[in-house]
Amino acid sequence: MPATPFPLEPTPAGAQAAIREEFAFFGDWSERYQYLIDLGRKLPGLPDAWKTEEHRLHGCQSMVWIVPVGDASRLDFHAISDSAIVSGLIYLALRVYSGRSAEEIAATDADYIADIGLAKHLSPTRSNGLASLLAFIRAEAGKHLPG
């Protein structure tokens, strides 16, 4: 199983604060897109055996594979895309949610998306894909919550 770099910060709120600070650093969206691409390159690769239809995230225009591992106390998500920008979006989502308890995941809204202006700067297909990714992560956490 590939190692996961997440969580980087001790709490989801801390991760979102760090993301806001990092994106505030860049003056324009071309720099922010480049930063997203650079973040996507930091994702650990997925074993080819995991790049199957079973692990494919539907609702994304690009190919995205996501594999949840763990239980209610800690859920790790391994994911990657064939698109550089989408891999960057995955990196941000995993930074907030991966390596957390199901309860923490369920209780955390993805405020960073609006806060850094991402919602306004993504194409509709990428916005839908990001929504699908976040919905998958939250649904997976929900499977591990009591009743």
C-alpha atoms as a PDB file:
ATOM      1  CA  MET A   1       0.000   0.000   0.000  1.00  0.00           C
ATOM      2  CA  PRO A   2       1.434   3.421  -0.932  1.00  0.00           C
ATOM      3  CA  ALA A   3       2.443   5.702   1.918  1.00  0.00           C
ATOM      4  CA  THR A   4       0.270   8.744   2.407  1.00  0.00           C
ATOM      5  CA  PRO A   5       1.665  12.192   3.223  1.00  0.00           C
ATOM      6  CA  PHE A   6      -1.579  13.209   4.939  1.00  0.00           C
ATOM      7  CA  PRO A   7      -2.534  14.677   7.298  1.00  0.00           C
ATOM      8  CA  LEU A   8      -0.043  17.545   7.114  1.00  0.00           C
ATOM      9  CA  GLU A   9      -1.851  19.628   9.743  1.00  0.00           C
ATOM     10  CA  PRO A  10      -3.327  18.354  13.036  1.00  0.00           C
ATOM     11  CA  THR A  11      -6.930  19.368  12.190  1.00  0.00           C
ATOM     12  CA  PRO A  12      -9.102  19.897   9.093  1.00  0.00           C
ATOM     13  CA  ALA A  13      -9.526  23.555  10.127  1.00  0.00           C
ATOM     14  CA  GLY A  14      -5.736  23.923  10.300  1.00  0.00           C
ATOM     15  CA  ALA A  15      -5.396  22.417   6.820  1.00  0.00           C
ATOM     16  CA  GLN A  16      -7.979  24.839   5.416  1.00  0.00           C
ATOM     17  CA  ALA A  17      -6.246  27.794   7.090  1.00  0.00           C
ATOM     18  CA  ALA A  18      -2.907  26.723   5.584  1.00  0.00           C
ATOM     19  CA  ILE A  19      -4.478  26.398   2.118  1.00  0.00           C
ATOM     20  CA  ARG A  20      -6.006  29.905   2.429  1.00  0.00           C
ATOM     21  CA  GLU A  21      -2.621  31.350   3.444  1.00  0.00           C
ATOM     22  CA  GLU A  22      -0.764  29.634   0.612  1.00  0.00           C
ATOM     23  CA  PHE A  23      -3.215  30.772  -2.061  1.00  0.00           C
ATOM     24  CA  ALA A  24      -3.290  34.349  -0.695  1.00  0.00           C
ATOM     25  CA  PHE A  25       0.407  34.430  -1.528  1.00  0.00           C
ATOM     26  CA  PHE A  26      -0.229  34.399  -5.295  1.00  0.00           C
ATOM     27  CA  GLY A  27      -1.268  37.521  -7.152  1.00  0.00           C
ATOM     28  CA  ASP A  28      -3.228  36.010 -10.001  1.00  0.00           C
ATOM     29  CA  TRP A  29      -4.944  32.860 -11.146  1.00  0.00           C
ATOM     30  CA  SER A  30      -2.261  31.791 -13.596  1.00  0.00           C
ATOM     31  CA  GLU A  31       0.125  31.518 -10.614  1.00  0.00           C
ATOM     32  CA  ARG A  32      -2.521  29.689  -8.578  1.00  0.00           C
ATOM     33  CA  TYR A  33      -3.123  27.181 -11.378  1.00  0.00           C
ATOM     34  CA  GLN A  34       0.617  26.557 -11.587  1.00  0.00           C
ATOM     35  CA  TYR A  35       0.670  25.998  -7.819  1.00  0.00           C
ATOM     36  CA  LEU A  36      -2.238  23.528  -8.144  1.00  0.00           C
ATOM     37  CA  ILE A  37      -0.290  21.622 -10.812  1.00  0.00           C
ATOM     38  CA  ASP A  38       2.783  21.565  -8.547  1.00  0.00           C
ATOM     39  CA  LEU A  39       0.676  20.230  -5.646  1.00  0.00           C
ATOM     40  CA  GLY A  40      -0.767  17.516  -7.880  1.00  0.00           C
ATOM     41  CA  ARG A  41       2.760  16.328  -8.650  1.00  0.00           C
ATOM     42  CA  LYS A  42       3.266  15.676  -4.918  1.00  0.00           C
ATOM     43  CA  LEU A  43       0.534  13.015  -4.809  1.00  0.00           C
ATOM     44  CA  PRO A  44       1.989   9.549  -4.345  1.00  0.00           C
ATOM     45  CA  GLY A  45       1.380   7.343  -7.359  1.00  0.00           C
ATOM     46  CA  LEU A  46      -1.358   4.723  -7.292  1.00  0.00           C
ATOM     47  CA  PRO A  47      -0.514   1.109  -8.028  1.00  0.00           C
ATOM     48  CA  ASP A  48      -1.836   0.102 -11.459  1.00  0.00           C
ATOM     49  CA  ALA A  49      -3.858  -2.629  -9.730  1.00  0.00           C
ATOM     50  CA  TRP A  50      -5.953   0.156  -8.124  1.00  0.00           C
ATOM     51  CA  LYS A  51      -6.629   1.960 -11.407  1.00  0.00           C
ATOM     52  CA  THR A  52      -9.743  -0.073 -12.080  1.00  0.00           C
ATOM     53  CA  GLU A  53     -13.341   0.737 -12.888  1.00  0.00           C
ATOM     54  CA  GLU A  54     -14.227  -0.208  -9.297  1.00  0.00           C
ATOM     55  CA  HIS A  55     -12.063   2.658  -7.967  1.00  0.00           C
ATOM     56  CA  ARG A  56     -12.917   5.177 -10.668  1.00  0.00           C
ATOM     57  CA  LEU A  57     -14.713   8.302  -9.503  1.00  0.00           C
ATOM     58  CA  HIS A  58     -17.615   9.019 -11.805  1.00  0.00           C
ATOM     59  CA  GLY A  59     -18.787  12.574 -12.311  1.00  0.00           C
ATOM     60  CA  CYS A  60     -15.343  13.742 -13.394  1.00  0.00           C
ATOM     61  CA  GLN A  61     -14.467  14.486 -17.001  1.00  0.00           C
ATOM     62  CA  SER A  62     -10.880  13.367 -16.429  1.00  0.00           C
ATOM     63  CA  MET A  63      -9.963   9.968 -15.103  1.00  0.00           C
ATOM     64  CA  VAL A  64      -9.852   9.942 -11.297  1.00  0.00           C
ATOM     65  CA  TRP A  65      -9.237   6.913  -9.135  1.00  0.00           C
ATOM     66  CA  ILE A  66      -9.809   6.978  -5.380  1.00  0.00           C
ATOM     67  CA  VAL A  67      -9.283   4.206  -2.858  1.00  0.00           C
ATOM     68  CA  PRO A  68     -10.436   4.616   0.763  1.00  0.00           C
ATOM     69  CA  VAL A  69      -8.562   2.655   3.431  1.00  0.00           C
ATOM     70  CA  GLY A  70      -9.239   2.543   7.157  1.00  0.00           C
ATOM     71  CA  ASP A  71     -12.001   2.664   9.710  1.00  0.00           C
ATOM     72  CA  ALA A  72     -13.996   5.164  11.793  1.00  0.00           C
ATOM     73  CA  SER A  73     -10.926   6.277  13.747  1.00  0.00           C
ATOM     74  CA  ARG A  74      -8.806   7.038  10.650  1.00  0.00           C
ATOM     75  CA  LEU A  75      -9.710   7.085   6.982  1.00  0.00           C
ATOM     76  CA  ASP A  76      -6.976   7.515   4.412  1.00  0.00           C
ATOM     77  CA  PHE A  77      -7.768   8.276   0.801  1.00  0.00           C
ATOM     78  CA  HIS A  78      -5.380   7.357  -2.001  1.00  0.00           C
ATOM     79  CA  ALA A  79      -6.269   9.171  -5.207  1.00  0.00           C
ATOM     80  CA  ILE A  80      -4.837  10.443  -8.472  1.00  0.00           C
ATOM     81  CA  SER A  81      -5.990  11.810 -11.811  1.00  0.00           C
ATOM     82  CA  ASP A  82      -4.677  11.792 -15.359  1.00  0.00           C
ATOM     83  CA  SER A  83      -5.144  15.594 -15.325  1.00  0.00           C
ATOM     84  CA  ALA A  84      -2.511  17.813 -13.675  1.00  0.00           C
ATOM     85  CA  ILE A  85      -4.944  20.440 -12.380  1.00  0.00           C
ATOM     86  CA  VAL A  86      -7.402  17.804 -11.148  1.00  0.00           C
ATOM     87  CA  SER A  87      -4.546  16.082  -9.286  1.00  0.00           C
ATOM     88  CA  GLY A  88      -3.930  19.439  -7.575  1.00  0.00           C
ATOM     89  CA  LEU A  89      -7.600  19.651  -6.575  1.00  0.00           C
ATOM     90  CA  ILE A  90      -7.342  16.102  -5.208  1.00  0.00           C
ATOM     91  CA  TYR A  91      -4.249  17.088  -3.221  1.00  0.00           C
ATOM     92  CA  LEU A  92      -6.139  19.956  -1.559  1.00  0.00           C
ATOM     93  CA  ALA A  93      -9.132  17.737  -0.698  1.00  0.00           C
ATOM     94  CA  LEU A  94      -6.907  14.998   0.729  1.00  0.00           C
ATOM     95  CA  ARG A  95      -4.981  17.586   2.714  1.00  0.00           C
ATOM     96  CA  VAL A  96      -8.221  18.566   4.459  1.00  0.00           C
ATOM     97  CA  TYR A  97      -9.845  15.122   4.759  1.00  0.00           C
ATOM     98  CA  SER A  98      -7.378  12.222   4.473  1.00  0.00           C
ATOM     99  CA  GLY A  99      -5.961  10.708   7.651  1.00  0.00           C
ATOM    100  CA  ARG A 100      -8.868  11.987   9.752  1.00  0.00           C
ATOM    101  CA  SER A 101     -11.602  10.266  11.711  1.00  0.00           C
ATOM    102  CA  ALA A 102     -14.951   9.667  10.025  1.00  0.00           C
ATOM    103  CA  GLU A 103     -16.490  12.069  12.534  1.00  0.00           C
ATOM    104  CA  GLU A 104     -14.022  14.863  11.666  1.00  0.00           C
ATOM    105  CA  ILE A 105     -14.603  14.336   7.945  1.00  0.00           C
ATOM    106  CA  ALA A 106     -18.381  14.443   8.301  1.00  0.00           C
ATOM    107  CA  ALA A 107     -18.204  17.596  10.436  1.00  0.00           C
ATOM    108  CA  THR A 108     -15.962  19.533   8.028  1.00  0.00           C
ATOM    109  CA  ASP A 109     -17.307  21.672   5.208  1.00  0.00           C
ATOM    110  CA  ALA A 110     -14.911  22.432   2.361  1.00  0.00           C
ATOM    111  CA  ASP A 111     -14.875  26.187   3.042  1.00  0.00           C
ATOM    112  CA  TYR A 112     -11.445  26.590   1.457  1.00  0.00           C
ATOM    113  CA  ILE A 113     -12.956  26.229  -2.032  1.00  0.00           C
ATOM    114  CA  ALA A 114     -14.922  29.488  -1.792  1.00  0.00           C
ATOM    115  CA  ASP A 115     -12.338  31.187   0.434  1.00  0.00           C
ATOM    116  CA  ILE A 116      -9.531  30.915  -2.139  1.00  0.00           C
ATOM    117  CA  GLY A 117     -11.815  31.761  -5.076  1.00  0.00           C
ATOM    118  CA  LEU A 118     -11.577  28.304  -6.574  1.00  0.00           C
ATOM    119  CA  ALA A 119     -15.319  28.028  -7.156  1.00  0.00           C
ATOM    120  CA  LYS A 120     -15.248  31.048  -9.485  1.00  0.00           C
ATOM    121  CA  HIS A 121     -12.193  29.924 -11.441  1.00  0.00           C
ATOM    122  CA  LEU A 122     -12.968  26.296 -12.240  1.00  0.00           C
ATOM    123  CA  SER A 123     -14.754  25.206 -15.380  1.00  0.00           C
ATOM    124  CA  PRO A 124     -18.205  23.690 -14.766  1.00  0.00           C
ATOM    125  CA  THR A 125     -16.871  20.185 -15.500  1.00  0.00           C
ATOM    126  CA  ARG A 126     -14.032  20.607 -12.978  1.00  0.00           C
ATOM    127  CA  SER A 127     -16.439  22.054 -10.397  1.00  0.00           C
ATOM    128  CA  ASN A 128     -18.705  19.027 -10.865  1.00  0.00           C
ATOM    129  CA  GLY A 129     -15.738  16.683 -10.542  1.00  0.00           C
ATOM    130  CA  LEU A 130     -14.586  18.397  -7.336  1.00  0.00           C
ATOM    131  CA  ALA A 131     -18.128  18.158  -5.951  1.00  0.00           C
ATOM    132  CA  SER A 132     -18.134  14.421  -6.827  1.00  0.00           C
ATOM    133  CA  LEU A 133     -14.792  13.943  -5.055  1.00  0.00           C
ATOM    134  CA  LEU A 134     -15.965  15.710  -1.892  1.00  0.00           C
ATOM    135  CA  ALA A 135     -19.285  13.834  -1.944  1.00  0.00           C
ATOM    136  CA  PHE A 136     -17.418  10.513  -2.237  1.00  0.00           C
ATOM    137  CA  ILE A 137     -15.145  11.355   0.716  1.00  0.00           C
ATOM    138  CA  ARG A 138     -18.079  12.396   2.902  1.00  0.00           C
ATOM    139  CA  ALA A 139     -20.158   9.365   1.893  1.00  0.00           C
ATOM    140  CA  GLU A 140     -17.239   7.083   2.733  1.00  0.00           C
ATOM    141  CA  ALA A 141     -16.967   8.728   6.166  1.00  0.00           C
ATOM    142  CA  GLY A 142     -20.716   8.318   6.618  1.00  0.00           C
ATOM    143  CA  LYS A 143     -20.387   4.549   6.131  1.00  0.00           C
ATOM    144  CA  HIS A 144     -18.202   4.467   9.265  1.00  0.00           C
ATOM    145  CA  LEU A 145     -20.424   6.585  11.506  1.00  0.00           C
ATOM    146  CA  PRO A 146     -22.818   4.959  13.967  1.00  0.00           C
ATOM    147  CA  GLY A 147     -26.409   4.473  12.780  1.00  0.00           C
END
